[in-house]
């Protein structure tokens, strides 16, 4: 007997992905520490652009505490300004 093929258009709601906030926080702090330890950008310009436009906003948006997200955003922005000026 053949298994029933699922519908392409799911009638039921699919489970929603919930990010592991501890892992997100660790990743942001890891990137921030790398920035703080560097005299100039530790990544290629294309990587920095991707981080600024996509990665950091996405990761910060996954944090459950808006105050923590704002604090990390301010720290990242301060380091980015310092590295831009270097």
C-alpha atoms as a PDB file:
ATOM      1  CA  UNK A   1       0.000   0.000   0.000  1.00  0.00           C
ATOM      2  CA  UNK A   2       1.319   3.413  -0.945  1.00  0.00           C
ATOM      3  CA  UNK A   3       1.789   6.187   1.587  1.00  0.00           C
ATOM      4  CA  UNK A   4      -0.384   9.239   1.110  1.00  0.00           C
ATOM      5  CA  UNK A   5       1.577  12.128  -0.379  1.00  0.00           C
ATOM      6  CA  UNK A   6       1.275  15.338   1.641  1.00  0.00           C
ATOM      7  CA  UNK A   7      -0.464  18.256   0.000  1.00  0.00           C
ATOM      8  CA  UNK A   8       1.649  21.053  -1.430  1.00  0.00           C
ATOM      9  CA  UNK A   9      -0.822  23.434   0.145  1.00  0.00           C
ATOM     10  CA  UNK A  10      -0.915  22.404   3.768  1.00  0.00           C
ATOM     11  CA  UNK A  11      -4.319  22.745   5.324  1.00  0.00           C
ATOM     12  CA  UNK A  12      -2.918  22.627   8.846  1.00  0.00           C
ATOM     13  CA  UNK A  13      -0.552  25.183  10.257  1.00  0.00           C
ATOM     14  CA  UNK A  14       3.046  24.008  10.211  1.00  0.00           C
ATOM     15  CA  UNK A  15       5.219  24.305  13.312  1.00  0.00           C
ATOM     16  CA  UNK A  16       6.935  27.672  13.572  1.00  0.00           C
ATOM     17  CA  UNK A  17      10.718  27.878  13.960  1.00  0.00           C
ATOM     18  CA  UNK A  18      11.796  29.404  17.264  1.00  0.00           C
ATOM     19  CA  UNK A  19      15.427  30.470  17.485  1.00  0.00           C
ATOM     20  CA  UNK A  20      17.644  29.385  20.360  1.00  0.00           C
ATOM     21  CA  UNK A  21      18.178  32.793  21.959  1.00  0.00           C
ATOM     22  CA  UNK A  22      21.250  31.592  23.885  1.00  0.00           C
ATOM     23  CA  UNK A  23      22.912  30.555  20.612  1.00  0.00           C
ATOM     24  CA  UNK A  24      21.916  33.855  18.962  1.00  0.00           C
ATOM     25  CA  UNK A  25      23.316  35.825  21.915  1.00  0.00           C
ATOM     26  CA  UNK A  26      26.551  33.788  21.841  1.00  0.00           C
ATOM     27  CA  UNK A  27      26.983  34.369  18.110  1.00  0.00           C
ATOM     28  CA  UNK A  28      26.468  38.129  18.443  1.00  0.00           C
ATOM     29  CA  UNK A  29      28.889  38.337  21.381  1.00  0.00           C
ATOM     30  CA  UNK A  30      31.455  36.274  19.447  1.00  0.00           C
ATOM     31  CA  UNK A  31      31.290  38.677  16.496  1.00  0.00           C
ATOM     32  CA  UNK A  32      31.428  41.690  18.823  1.00  0.00           C
ATOM     33  CA  UNK A  33      34.497  40.295  20.629  1.00  0.00           C
ATOM     34  CA  UNK A  34      36.234  39.767  17.281  1.00  0.00           C
ATOM     35  CA  UNK A  35      35.476  43.374  16.346  1.00  0.00           C
ATOM     36  CA  UNK A  36      36.695  44.711  19.705  1.00  0.00           C
ATOM     37  CA  UNK A  37      39.977  42.807  19.420  1.00  0.00           C
ATOM     38  CA  UNK A  38      40.694  44.084  15.897  1.00  0.00           C
ATOM     39  CA  UNK A  39      42.510  47.253  14.842  1.00  0.00           C
ATOM     40  CA  UNK A  40      40.739  47.115  11.455  1.00  0.00           C
ATOM     41  CA  UNK A  41      37.813  45.134  10.084  1.00  0.00           C
ATOM     42  CA  UNK A  42      38.504  41.413  10.650  1.00  0.00           C
ATOM     43  CA  UNK A  43      36.393  40.451   7.632  1.00  0.00           C
ATOM     44  CA  UNK A  44      36.344  41.272   3.917  1.00  0.00           C
ATOM     45  CA  UNK A  45      34.263  44.278   2.865  1.00  0.00           C
ATOM     46  CA  UNK A  46      31.639  42.021   1.271  1.00  0.00           C
ATOM     47  CA  UNK A  47      31.259  40.066   4.517  1.00  0.00           C
ATOM     48  CA  UNK A  48      30.929  43.278   6.540  1.00  0.00           C
ATOM     49  CA  UNK A  49      28.217  44.482   4.147  1.00  0.00           C
ATOM     50  CA  UNK A  50      26.318  41.197   4.533  1.00  0.00           C
ATOM     51  CA  UNK A  51      26.636  41.354   8.321  1.00  0.00           C
ATOM     52  CA  UNK A  52      25.346  44.944   8.389  1.00  0.00           C
ATOM     53  CA  UNK A  53      22.470  44.447   5.963  1.00  0.00           C
ATOM     54  CA  UNK A  54      21.315  40.950   6.850  1.00  0.00           C
ATOM     55  CA  UNK A  55      23.016  39.016   9.632  1.00  0.00           C
ATOM     56  CA  UNK A  56      23.051  41.500  12.518  1.00  0.00           C
ATOM     57  CA  UNK A  57      19.469  42.752  12.001  1.00  0.00           C
ATOM     58  CA  UNK A  58      18.239  39.161  11.707  1.00  0.00           C
ATOM     59  CA  UNK A  59      20.069  37.935  14.809  1.00  0.00           C
ATOM     60  CA  UNK A  60      19.087  40.980  16.870  1.00  0.00           C
ATOM     61  CA  UNK A  61      15.471  40.451  15.851  1.00  0.00           C
ATOM     62  CA  UNK A  62      15.557  36.915  17.246  1.00  0.00           C
ATOM     63  CA  UNK A  63      16.418  38.056  20.780  1.00  0.00           C
ATOM     64  CA  UNK A  64      13.409  37.932  23.073  1.00  0.00           C
ATOM     65  CA  UNK A  65      14.474  40.924  25.206  1.00  0.00           C
ATOM     66  CA  UNK A  66      14.223  44.217  23.263  1.00  0.00           C
ATOM     67  CA  UNK A  67      16.467  45.994  25.781  1.00  0.00           C
ATOM     68  CA  UNK A  68      19.196  43.406  25.296  1.00  0.00           C
ATOM     69  CA  UNK A  69      18.840  43.697  21.515  1.00  0.00           C
ATOM     70  CA  UNK A  70      19.134  47.500  21.714  1.00  0.00           C
ATOM     71  CA  UNK A  71      22.182  47.249  23.968  1.00  0.00           C
ATOM     72  CA  UNK A  72      23.951  44.803  21.648  1.00  0.00           C
ATOM     73  CA  UNK A  73      22.980  46.907  18.605  1.00  0.00           C
ATOM     74  CA  UNK A  74      24.570  49.986  20.251  1.00  0.00           C
ATOM     75  CA  UNK A  75      27.765  48.054  21.043  1.00  0.00           C
ATOM     76  CA  UNK A  76      27.993  46.688  17.493  1.00  0.00           C
ATOM     77  CA  UNK A  77      27.314  50.134  16.007  1.00  0.00           C
ATOM     78  CA  UNK A  78      30.028  51.713  18.193  1.00  0.00           C
ATOM     79  CA  UNK A  79      32.582  49.099  17.146  1.00  0.00           C
ATOM     80  CA  UNK A  80      31.569  49.405  13.504  1.00  0.00           C
ATOM     81  CA  UNK A  81      32.067  53.180  13.650  1.00  0.00           C
ATOM     82  CA  UNK A  82      35.496  52.669  15.225  1.00  0.00           C
ATOM     83  CA  UNK A  83      36.515  50.132  12.595  1.00  0.00           C
ATOM     84  CA  UNK A  84      35.171  52.314   9.769  1.00  0.00           C
ATOM     85  CA  UNK A  85      37.379  55.149  11.007  1.00  0.00           C
ATOM     86  CA  UNK A  86      40.477  52.937  11.227  1.00  0.00           C
END
